[in-house]
Amino acid sequence: MFPRSEEEGEFVNSQRTNDEMWMREALRLARQSQALGEVPVGAVVVLGGEAIGEGANCPIATNDPTAHAEVRALRAAGAKAGNYRLEGAVLYCTLEPCVMCAGALVQARVARIVYGARDLRFGGVRSKFQIADSEILNHRVEVTEGVLGAECAELLRHFFEAKR
């Protein structure tokens, strides 16, 4: 979709630049996970232009199947905001959220999710299920996919190649 006006075009370019900036932060967190032997996934929750929560994947180290980057970022954001509802927040994640994480995004009332690479095996936002913006739920999260997607996918590919 092309911008209809110069002003709208500036907004689109500004949003894209902003999305890439925050995705680079999520990639930094993903690399932290990778350094610890975890699947390299990172997530950042942004509200009002400020990061209010971040998470790096760590289910292996914590023996916690819910310790996905997105859940950890949402928990930190909720603690900082003093509220389990994160209305107006944007979650940036290097990998498409799974069903559990997509459900948590809906429960938190996150406004938008931006992710890099699709998860063709377990994706809960686009690839296997469409939970985040399902019409049957009471809240819909706006979805933007593919931001720095090649870089996010490459990080995962290298991680799994090294494991084999």
N, C-alpha and C. Protein backbone atom coordinates (compact mmCIF):
# COMPACT_ATOMS: atom_id res chain seq x y z
N MET A 1 0.85 -1.17 0.00
CA MET A 1 0.00 0.00 0.00
C MET A 1 0.90 1.24 0.00
N PHE A 2 0.62 2.15 -0.89
CA PHE A 2 1.42 3.37 -1.01
C PHE A 2 0.79 4.49 -0.19
N PRO A 3 1.61 5.35 0.39
CA PRO A 3 1.07 6.49 1.13
C PRO A 3 0.23 7.37 0.21
N ARG A 4 -0.87 7.91 0.74
CA ARG A 4 -1.76 8.74 -0.06
C ARG A 4 -1.33 10.20 -0.06
N SER A 5 -0.45 10.58 0.84
CA SER A 5 0.00 11.96 0.90
C SER A 5 1.44 11.99 1.36
N GLU A 6 2.07 13.15 1.18
CA GLU A 6 3.45 13.30 1.63
C GLU A 6 3.54 13.12 3.14
N GLU A 7 2.57 13.66 3.86
CA GLU A 7 2.55 13.54 5.32
C GLU A 7 2.41 12.07 5.73
N GLU A 8 1.53 11.34 5.08
CA GLU A 8 1.35 9.92 5.37
C GLU A 8 2.62 9.15 5.03
N GLY A 9 3.28 9.54 3.95
CA GLY A 9 4.54 8.90 3.56
C GLY A 9 5.62 9.09 4.61
N GLU A 10 5.68 10.28 5.19
CA GLU A 10 6.64 10.55 6.26
C GLU A 10 6.33 9.69 7.47
N PHE A 11 5.05 9.52 7.80
CA PHE A 11 4.66 8.68 8.93
C PHE A 11 5.09 7.23 8.68
N VAL A 12 4.83 6.72 7.49
CA VAL A 12 5.19 5.34 7.16
C VAL A 12 6.70 5.15 7.27
N ASN A 13 7.48 6.08 6.71
CA ASN A 13 8.94 5.97 6.80
C ASN A 13 9.42 6.08 8.23
N SER A 14 8.82 6.96 9.01
CA SER A 14 9.19 7.12 10.41
C SER A 14 8.87 5.85 11.20
N GLN A 15 7.71 5.27 10.95
CA GLN A 15 7.32 4.05 11.65
C GLN A 15 8.26 2.91 11.27
N ARG A 16 8.61 2.78 10.00
CA ARG A 16 9.52 1.73 9.56
C ARG A 16 10.88 1.89 10.24
N THR A 17 11.40 3.11 10.30
CA THR A 17 12.67 3.38 10.96
C THR A 17 12.59 3.03 12.44
N ASN A 18 11.51 3.42 13.08
CA ASN A 18 11.29 3.12 14.49
C ASN A 18 11.21 1.61 14.71
N ASP A 19 10.45 0.92 13.85
CA ASP A 19 10.32 -0.54 13.96
C ASP A 19 11.69 -1.21 13.84
N GLU A 20 12.49 -0.76 12.89
CA GLU A 20 13.82 -1.35 12.71
C GLU A 20 14.72 -1.09 13.92
N MET A 21 14.63 0.09 14.50
CA MET A 21 15.43 0.42 15.68
C MET A 21 15.10 -0.53 16.83
N TRP A 22 13.82 -0.71 17.10
CA TRP A 22 13.43 -1.59 18.21
C TRP A 22 13.70 -3.05 17.89
N MET A 23 13.59 -3.43 16.62
CA MET A 23 13.89 -4.82 16.25
C MET A 23 15.38 -5.10 16.46
N ARG A 24 16.22 -4.13 16.23
CA ARG A 24 17.66 -4.32 16.50
C ARG A 24 17.90 -4.57 17.98
N GLU A 25 17.12 -3.93 18.82
CA GLU A 25 17.22 -4.18 20.26
C GLU A 25 16.77 -5.61 20.57
N ALA A 26 15.69 -6.07 19.93
CA ALA A 26 15.24 -7.45 20.11
C ALA A 26 16.30 -8.43 19.62
N LEU A 27 16.96 -8.11 18.53
CA LEU A 27 18.05 -8.96 18.03
C LEU A 27 19.20 -9.04 19.03
N ARG A 28 19.50 -7.93 19.68
CA ARG A 28 20.56 -7.93 20.70
C ARG A 28 20.20 -8.92 21.81
N LEU A 29 18.95 -8.90 22.23
CA LEU A 29 18.49 -9.82 23.27
C LEU A 29 18.50 -11.27 22.78
N ALA A 30 18.16 -11.47 21.51
CA ALA A 30 18.20 -12.82 20.94
C ALA A 30 19.63 -13.37 20.97
N ARG A 31 20.59 -12.52 20.69
CA ARG A 31 21.99 -12.97 20.72
C ARG A 31 22.42 -13.33 22.14
N GLN A 32 21.85 -12.66 23.14
CA GLN A 32 22.12 -13.03 24.53
C GLN A 32 21.62 -14.44 24.80
N SER A 33 20.42 -14.75 24.31
CA SER A 33 19.88 -16.10 24.46
C SER A 33 20.78 -17.12 23.80
N GLN A 34 21.20 -16.81 22.60
CA GLN A 34 22.06 -17.72 21.84
C GLN A 34 23.35 -18.00 22.60
N ALA A 35 23.94 -16.98 23.20
CA ALA A 35 25.19 -17.13 23.93
C ALA A 35 25.03 -18.09 25.12
N LEU A 36 23.81 -18.23 25.61
CA LEU A 36 23.53 -19.12 26.73
C LEU A 36 23.03 -20.49 26.27
N GLY A 37 23.05 -20.73 24.96
CA GLY A 37 22.61 -22.01 24.43
C GLY A 37 21.11 -22.13 24.23
N GLU A 38 20.41 -21.02 24.37
CA GLU A 38 18.96 -21.00 24.17
C GLU A 38 18.65 -20.67 22.71
N VAL A 39 17.46 -21.03 22.26
CA VAL A 39 17.02 -20.63 20.93
C VAL A 39 17.03 -19.10 20.90
N PRO A 40 17.70 -18.49 19.92
CA PRO A 40 17.87 -17.04 19.92
C PRO A 40 16.60 -16.26 19.54
N VAL A 41 15.85 -15.89 20.57
CA VAL A 41 14.65 -15.08 20.39
C VAL A 41 14.72 -13.96 21.43
N GLY A 42 14.45 -12.73 20.98
CA GLY A 42 14.43 -11.58 21.88
C GLY A 42 13.17 -10.78 21.64
N ALA A 43 12.73 -10.07 22.69
CA ALA A 43 11.51 -9.27 22.59
C ALA A 43 11.63 -8.01 23.44
N VAL A 44 11.00 -6.94 22.95
CA VAL A 44 10.98 -5.65 23.64
C VAL A 44 9.56 -5.11 23.59
N VAL A 45 9.07 -4.61 24.74
CA VAL A 45 7.77 -3.94 24.79
C VAL A 45 8.03 -2.45 24.87
N VAL A 46 7.40 -1.70 23.97
CA VAL A 46 7.59 -0.25 23.88
C VAL A 46 6.25 0.43 24.10
N LEU A 47 6.27 1.46 24.94
CA LEU A 47 5.07 2.25 25.20
C LEU A 47 5.48 3.71 25.24
N GLY A 48 4.84 4.53 24.42
CA GLY A 48 5.16 5.95 24.39
C GLY A 48 6.60 6.23 23.98
N GLY A 49 7.14 5.40 23.11
CA GLY A 49 8.51 5.61 22.63
C GLY A 49 9.59 5.14 23.59
N GLU A 50 9.20 4.48 24.68
CA GLU A 50 10.16 4.02 25.69
C GLU A 50 10.03 2.50 25.87
N ALA A 51 11.17 1.82 25.96
CA ALA A 51 11.16 0.39 26.26
C ALA A 51 10.78 0.22 27.72
N ILE A 52 9.69 -0.51 27.96
CA ILE A 52 9.25 -0.73 29.35
C ILE A 52 9.41 -2.19 29.77
N GLY A 53 9.81 -3.04 28.85
CA GLY A 53 10.04 -4.45 29.18
C GLY A 53 10.84 -5.11 28.09
N GLU A 54 11.69 -6.03 28.50
CA GLU A 54 12.45 -6.79 27.51
C GLU A 54 12.61 -8.21 28.01
N GLY A 55 12.84 -9.10 27.06
CA GLY A 55 13.01 -10.50 27.43
C GLY A 55 13.86 -11.23 26.42
N ALA A 56 14.65 -12.14 26.94
CA ALA A 56 15.44 -13.05 26.11
C ALA A 56 14.96 -14.46 26.43
N ASN A 57 14.89 -15.29 25.43
CA ASN A 57 14.41 -16.65 25.57
C ASN A 57 15.26 -17.42 26.59
N CYS A 58 14.64 -18.09 27.55
CA CYS A 58 15.43 -18.87 28.52
C CYS A 58 14.68 -20.03 29.16
N PRO A 59 13.87 -20.79 28.42
CA PRO A 59 13.17 -21.91 29.05
C PRO A 59 14.10 -23.02 29.52
N ILE A 60 15.22 -23.23 28.85
CA ILE A 60 16.14 -24.30 29.23
C ILE A 60 16.82 -23.96 30.55
N ALA A 61 17.38 -22.77 30.64
CA ALA A 61 18.11 -22.35 31.84
C ALA A 61 17.21 -22.27 33.07
N THR A 62 15.96 -21.90 32.87
CA THR A 62 15.04 -21.71 34.00
C THR A 62 14.15 -22.93 34.26
N ASN A 63 14.24 -23.94 33.39
CA ASN A 63 13.35 -25.10 33.48
C ASN A 63 11.89 -24.65 33.51
N ASP A 64 11.60 -23.64 32.69
CA ASP A 64 10.27 -23.04 32.66
C ASP A 64 9.78 -22.97 31.21
N PRO A 65 8.81 -23.80 30.85
CA PRO A 65 8.34 -23.79 29.46
C PRO A 65 7.67 -22.48 29.05
N THR A 66 7.34 -21.61 30.00
CA THR A 66 6.73 -20.34 29.66
C THR A 66 7.74 -19.21 29.56
N ALA A 67 9.02 -19.49 29.72
CA ALA A 67 10.05 -18.44 29.73
C ALA A 67 10.45 -18.03 28.31
N HIS A 68 9.46 -17.82 27.47
CA HIS A 68 9.72 -17.31 26.13
C HIS A 68 10.02 -15.82 26.23
N ALA A 69 10.74 -15.31 25.26
CA ALA A 69 11.15 -13.90 25.26
C ALA A 69 9.94 -12.98 25.39
N GLU A 70 8.86 -13.28 24.67
CA GLU A 70 7.68 -12.42 24.69
C GLU A 70 7.04 -12.38 26.08
N VAL A 71 6.90 -13.53 26.71
CA VAL A 71 6.29 -13.60 28.04
C VAL A 71 7.15 -12.85 29.05
N ARG A 72 8.46 -13.03 28.97
CA ARG A 72 9.36 -12.34 29.89
C ARG A 72 9.27 -10.82 29.69
N ALA A 73 9.19 -10.38 28.43
CA ALA A 73 9.06 -8.95 28.14
C ALA A 73 7.73 -8.41 28.66
N LEU A 74 6.65 -9.16 28.47
CA LEU A 74 5.34 -8.73 28.97
C LEU A 74 5.32 -8.65 30.50
N ARG A 75 5.94 -9.61 31.16
CA ARG A 75 6.00 -9.59 32.63
C ARG A 75 6.74 -8.35 33.12
N ALA A 76 7.89 -8.07 32.50
CA ALA A 76 8.67 -6.89 32.89
C ALA A 76 7.90 -5.60 32.62
N ALA A 77 7.21 -5.55 31.49
CA ALA A 77 6.44 -4.35 31.13
C ALA A 77 5.28 -4.15 32.10
N GLY A 78 4.59 -5.23 32.44
CA GLY A 78 3.49 -5.13 33.38
C GLY A 78 3.95 -4.63 34.74
N ALA A 79 5.11 -5.14 35.18
CA ALA A 79 5.66 -4.70 36.46
C ALA A 79 6.01 -3.21 36.42
N LYS A 80 6.63 -2.78 35.32
CA LYS A 80 7.01 -1.36 35.21
C LYS A 80 5.78 -0.47 35.10
N ALA A 81 4.79 -0.91 34.34
CA ALA A 81 3.57 -0.11 34.15
C ALA A 81 2.65 -0.16 35.37
N GLY A 82 2.86 -1.17 36.21
CA GLY A 82 1.97 -1.33 37.36
C GLY A 82 0.58 -1.76 36.94
N ASN A 83 0.52 -2.51 35.82
CA ASN A 83 -0.77 -2.92 35.28
C ASN A 83 -0.57 -4.12 34.37
N TYR A 84 -1.48 -5.07 34.44
CA TYR A 84 -1.40 -6.22 33.54
C TYR A 84 -1.93 -5.90 32.15
N ARG A 85 -2.58 -4.78 32.00
CA ARG A 85 -3.04 -4.31 30.69
C ARG A 85 -2.00 -3.36 30.13
N LEU A 86 -1.59 -3.60 28.93
CA LEU A 86 -0.55 -2.79 28.29
C LEU A 86 -1.12 -2.11 27.05
N GLU A 87 -2.26 -1.46 27.21
CA GLU A 87 -2.94 -0.80 26.09
C GLU A 87 -2.03 0.26 25.47
N GLY A 88 -1.95 0.23 24.16
CA GLY A 88 -1.12 1.18 23.43
C GLY A 88 0.31 0.71 23.23
N ALA A 89 0.68 -0.40 23.85
CA ALA A 89 2.06 -0.90 23.75
C ALA A 89 2.28 -1.66 22.45
N VAL A 90 3.55 -1.70 22.05
CA VAL A 90 3.98 -2.46 20.87
C VAL A 90 5.01 -3.47 21.34
N LEU A 91 4.86 -4.72 20.93
CA LEU A 91 5.85 -5.74 21.23
C LEU A 91 6.63 -6.05 19.96
N TYR A 92 7.96 -5.95 20.08
CA TYR A 92 8.87 -6.28 18.98
C TYR A 92 9.51 -7.61 19.31
N CYS A 93 9.46 -8.55 18.38
CA CYS A 93 10.01 -9.88 18.62
C CYS A 93 10.69 -10.39 17.36
N THR A 94 11.80 -11.07 17.54
CA THR A 94 12.56 -11.56 16.39
C THR A 94 11.88 -12.71 15.68
N LEU A 95 11.05 -13.46 16.38
CA LEU A 95 10.37 -14.62 15.80
C LEU A 95 8.87 -14.50 16.05
N GLU A 96 8.10 -14.94 15.09
CA GLU A 96 6.64 -14.96 15.23
C GLU A 96 6.26 -15.67 16.53
N PRO A 97 5.44 -15.05 17.36
CA PRO A 97 5.04 -15.67 18.62
C PRO A 97 4.28 -16.99 18.42
N CYS A 98 4.49 -17.88 19.38
CA CYS A 98 3.76 -19.15 19.40
C CYS A 98 2.33 -18.89 19.89
N VAL A 99 1.54 -19.92 19.98
CA VAL A 99 0.15 -19.81 20.43
C VAL A 99 0.08 -19.25 21.85
N MET A 100 0.93 -19.74 22.74
CA MET A 100 0.93 -19.26 24.13
C MET A 100 1.22 -17.76 24.18
N CYS A 101 2.25 -17.35 23.47
CA CYS A 101 2.64 -15.94 23.50
C CYS A 101 1.62 -15.05 22.80
N ALA A 102 1.04 -15.53 21.71
CA ALA A 102 0.00 -14.76 21.02
C ALA A 102 -1.20 -14.56 21.94
N GLY A 103 -1.56 -15.59 22.68
CA GLY A 103 -2.65 -15.46 23.64
C GLY A 103 -2.32 -14.46 24.74
N ALA A 104 -1.08 -14.46 25.20
CA ALA A 104 -0.66 -13.50 26.23
C ALA A 104 -0.73 -12.07 25.70
N LEU A 105 -0.39 -11.87 24.44
CA LEU A 105 -0.47 -10.54 23.83
C LEU A 105 -1.90 -10.03 23.80
N VAL A 106 -2.83 -10.92 23.49
CA VAL A 106 -4.24 -10.55 23.47
C VAL A 106 -4.70 -10.24 24.89
N GLN A 107 -4.33 -11.09 25.85
CA GLN A 107 -4.73 -10.87 27.25
C GLN A 107 -4.19 -9.55 27.79
N ALA A 108 -2.98 -9.17 27.36
CA ALA A 108 -2.36 -7.93 27.84
C ALA A 108 -2.91 -6.70 27.11
N ARG A 109 -3.70 -6.92 26.08
CA ARG A 109 -4.28 -5.83 25.29
C ARG A 109 -3.21 -5.00 24.57
N VAL A 110 -2.12 -5.68 24.17
CA VAL A 110 -1.08 -5.00 23.39
C VAL A 110 -1.72 -4.49 22.11
N ALA A 111 -1.33 -3.30 21.67
CA ALA A 111 -1.93 -2.70 20.48
C ALA A 111 -1.38 -3.31 19.19
N ARG A 112 -0.08 -3.60 19.22
CA ARG A 112 0.58 -4.01 17.97
C ARG A 112 1.73 -4.95 18.27
N ILE A 113 1.92 -5.91 17.39
CA ILE A 113 3.11 -6.76 17.45
C ILE A 113 3.86 -6.62 16.15
N VAL A 114 5.17 -6.52 16.26
CA VAL A 114 6.06 -6.44 15.11
C VAL A 114 7.04 -7.58 15.27
N TYR A 115 7.10 -8.47 14.27
CA TYR A 115 8.07 -9.56 14.38
C TYR A 115 8.88 -9.69 13.10
N GLY A 116 10.02 -10.36 13.25
CA GLY A 116 10.94 -10.50 12.13
C GLY A 116 10.65 -11.71 11.27
N ALA A 117 10.97 -12.89 11.77
CA ALA A 117 10.86 -14.13 11.00
C ALA A 117 9.59 -14.89 11.36
N ARG A 118 9.01 -15.53 10.37
CA ARG A 118 7.87 -16.42 10.62
C ARG A 118 8.36 -17.71 11.27
N ASP A 119 7.50 -18.30 12.10
CA ASP A 119 7.76 -19.61 12.68
C ASP A 119 6.83 -20.59 11.99
N LEU A 120 7.35 -21.25 10.97
CA LEU A 120 6.52 -22.11 10.14
C LEU A 120 6.02 -23.36 10.86
N ARG A 121 6.65 -23.72 11.97
CA ARG A 121 6.24 -24.91 12.71
C ARG A 121 5.24 -24.62 13.81
N PHE A 122 5.41 -23.49 14.52
CA PHE A 122 4.59 -23.23 15.69
C PHE A 122 3.95 -21.84 15.73
N GLY A 123 4.04 -21.09 14.66
CA GLY A 123 3.57 -19.70 14.65
C GLY A 123 2.10 -19.54 15.02
N GLY A 124 1.85 -18.69 16.00
CA GLY A 124 0.49 -18.47 16.47
C GLY A 124 -0.13 -17.18 15.98
N VAL A 125 0.60 -16.43 15.13
CA VAL A 125 0.10 -15.14 14.66
C VAL A 125 -0.26 -15.19 13.18
N ARG A 126 0.50 -15.92 12.39
CA ARG A 126 0.24 -16.00 10.95
C ARG A 126 0.44 -17.41 10.39
N SER A 127 1.53 -18.07 10.74
CA SER A 127 1.93 -19.30 10.06
C SER A 127 1.01 -20.49 10.28
N LYS A 128 0.63 -20.76 11.52
CA LYS A 128 -0.24 -21.90 11.81
C LYS A 128 -1.62 -21.46 12.32
N PHE A 129 -1.62 -20.40 13.12
CA PHE A 129 -2.85 -19.87 13.69
C PHE A 129 -2.85 -18.36 13.53
N GLN A 130 -3.99 -17.75 13.67
CA GLN A 130 -4.10 -16.29 13.61
C GLN A 130 -4.78 -15.79 14.89
N ILE A 131 -4.14 -16.04 16.01
CA ILE A 131 -4.73 -15.72 17.30
C ILE A 131 -4.74 -14.22 17.59
N ALA A 132 -3.66 -13.54 17.27
CA ALA A 132 -3.50 -12.14 17.67
C ALA A 132 -4.62 -11.24 17.15
N ASP A 133 -5.09 -11.47 15.95
CA ASP A 133 -6.13 -10.60 15.40
C ASP A 133 -7.38 -11.38 14.99
N SER A 134 -7.63 -12.46 15.73
CA SER A 134 -8.81 -13.28 15.46
C SER A 134 -10.09 -12.52 15.74
N GLU A 135 -11.04 -12.63 14.85
CA GLU A 135 -12.32 -11.94 15.01
C GLU A 135 -13.17 -12.55 16.13
N ILE A 136 -12.84 -13.76 16.58
CA ILE A 136 -13.67 -14.38 17.62
C ILE A 136 -13.23 -13.97 19.03
N LEU A 137 -12.11 -13.26 19.15
CA LEU A 137 -11.65 -12.81 20.46
C LEU A 137 -12.08 -11.37 20.70
N ASN A 138 -12.05 -10.95 21.96
CA ASN A 138 -12.53 -9.61 22.31
C ASN A 138 -11.50 -8.51 22.08
N HIS A 139 -10.28 -8.86 21.76
CA HIS A 139 -9.25 -7.85 21.47
C HIS A 139 -8.44 -8.33 20.27
N ARG A 140 -8.11 -7.43 19.39
CA ARG A 140 -7.30 -7.76 18.23
C ARG A 140 -6.02 -6.92 18.25
N VAL A 141 -4.92 -7.60 18.02
CA VAL A 141 -3.61 -6.97 17.98
C VAL A 141 -3.25 -6.72 16.52
N GLU A 142 -2.84 -5.51 16.20
CA GLU A 142 -2.37 -5.21 14.85
C GLU A 142 -1.05 -5.94 14.64
N VAL A 143 -0.87 -6.53 13.46
CA VAL A 143 0.32 -7.34 13.19
C VAL A 143 1.14 -6.74 12.05
N THR A 144 2.44 -6.59 12.29
CA THR A 144 3.39 -6.20 11.25
C THR A 144 4.46 -7.27 11.24
N GLU A 145 4.66 -7.89 10.10
CA GLU A 145 5.67 -8.96 10.04
C GLU A 145 6.78 -8.62 9.06
N GLY A 146 7.91 -9.29 9.24
CA GLY A 146 9.02 -9.20 8.30
C GLY A 146 10.00 -8.07 8.55
N VAL A 147 9.89 -7.35 9.67
CA VAL A 147 10.84 -6.28 9.96
C VAL A 147 12.19 -6.91 10.30
N LEU A 148 13.20 -6.59 9.50
CA LEU A 148 14.54 -7.21 9.61
C LEU A 148 14.42 -8.74 9.58
N GLY A 149 13.46 -9.21 8.81
CA GLY A 149 13.16 -10.63 8.75
C GLY A 149 14.32 -11.50 8.31
N ALA A 150 15.08 -11.06 7.33
CA ALA A 150 16.22 -11.86 6.85
C ALA A 150 17.26 -12.01 7.95
N GLU A 151 17.53 -10.93 8.67
CA GLU A 151 18.52 -10.98 9.75
C GLU A 151 18.04 -11.88 10.90
N CYS A 152 16.77 -11.79 11.23
CA CYS A 152 16.20 -12.62 12.29
C CYS A 152 16.24 -14.10 11.89
N ALA A 153 15.85 -14.40 10.66
CA ALA A 153 15.84 -15.78 10.18
C ALA A 153 17.25 -16.34 10.11
N GLU A 154 18.20 -15.53 9.69
CA GLU A 154 19.59 -15.96 9.58
C GLU A 154 20.16 -16.33 10.95
N LEU A 155 19.86 -15.57 11.96
CA LEU A 155 20.31 -15.86 13.32
C LEU A 155 19.80 -17.23 13.76
N LEU A 156 18.55 -17.50 13.51
CA LEU A 156 17.96 -18.80 13.87
C LEU A 156 18.57 -19.93 13.04
N ARG A 157 18.75 -19.69 11.75
CA ARG A 157 19.32 -20.73 10.87
C ARG A 157 20.71 -21.12 11.34
N HIS A 158 21.55 -20.14 11.63
CA HIS A 158 22.91 -20.43 12.10
C HIS A 158 22.90 -21.19 13.43
N PHE A 159 21.99 -20.80 14.31
CA PHE A 159 21.88 -21.47 15.61
C PHE A 159 21.57 -22.95 15.42
N PHE A 160 20.57 -23.26 14.59
CA PHE A 160 20.17 -24.66 14.43
C PHE A 160 21.18 -25.44 13.60
N GLU A 161 21.84 -24.81 12.67
CA GLU A 161 22.91 -25.49 11.93
C GLU A 161 24.04 -25.91 12.86
N ALA A 162 24.40 -25.06 13.80
CA ALA A 162 25.46 -25.37 14.75
C ALA A 162 25.07 -26.50 15.69
N LYS A 163 23.78 -26.66 15.95
CA LYS A 163 23.28 -27.73 16.83
C LYS A 163 23.33 -29.10 16.16
N ARG A 164 23.30 -29.10 14.82
CA ARG A 164 23.23 -30.38 14.09
C ARG A 164 24.56 -30.96 13.88
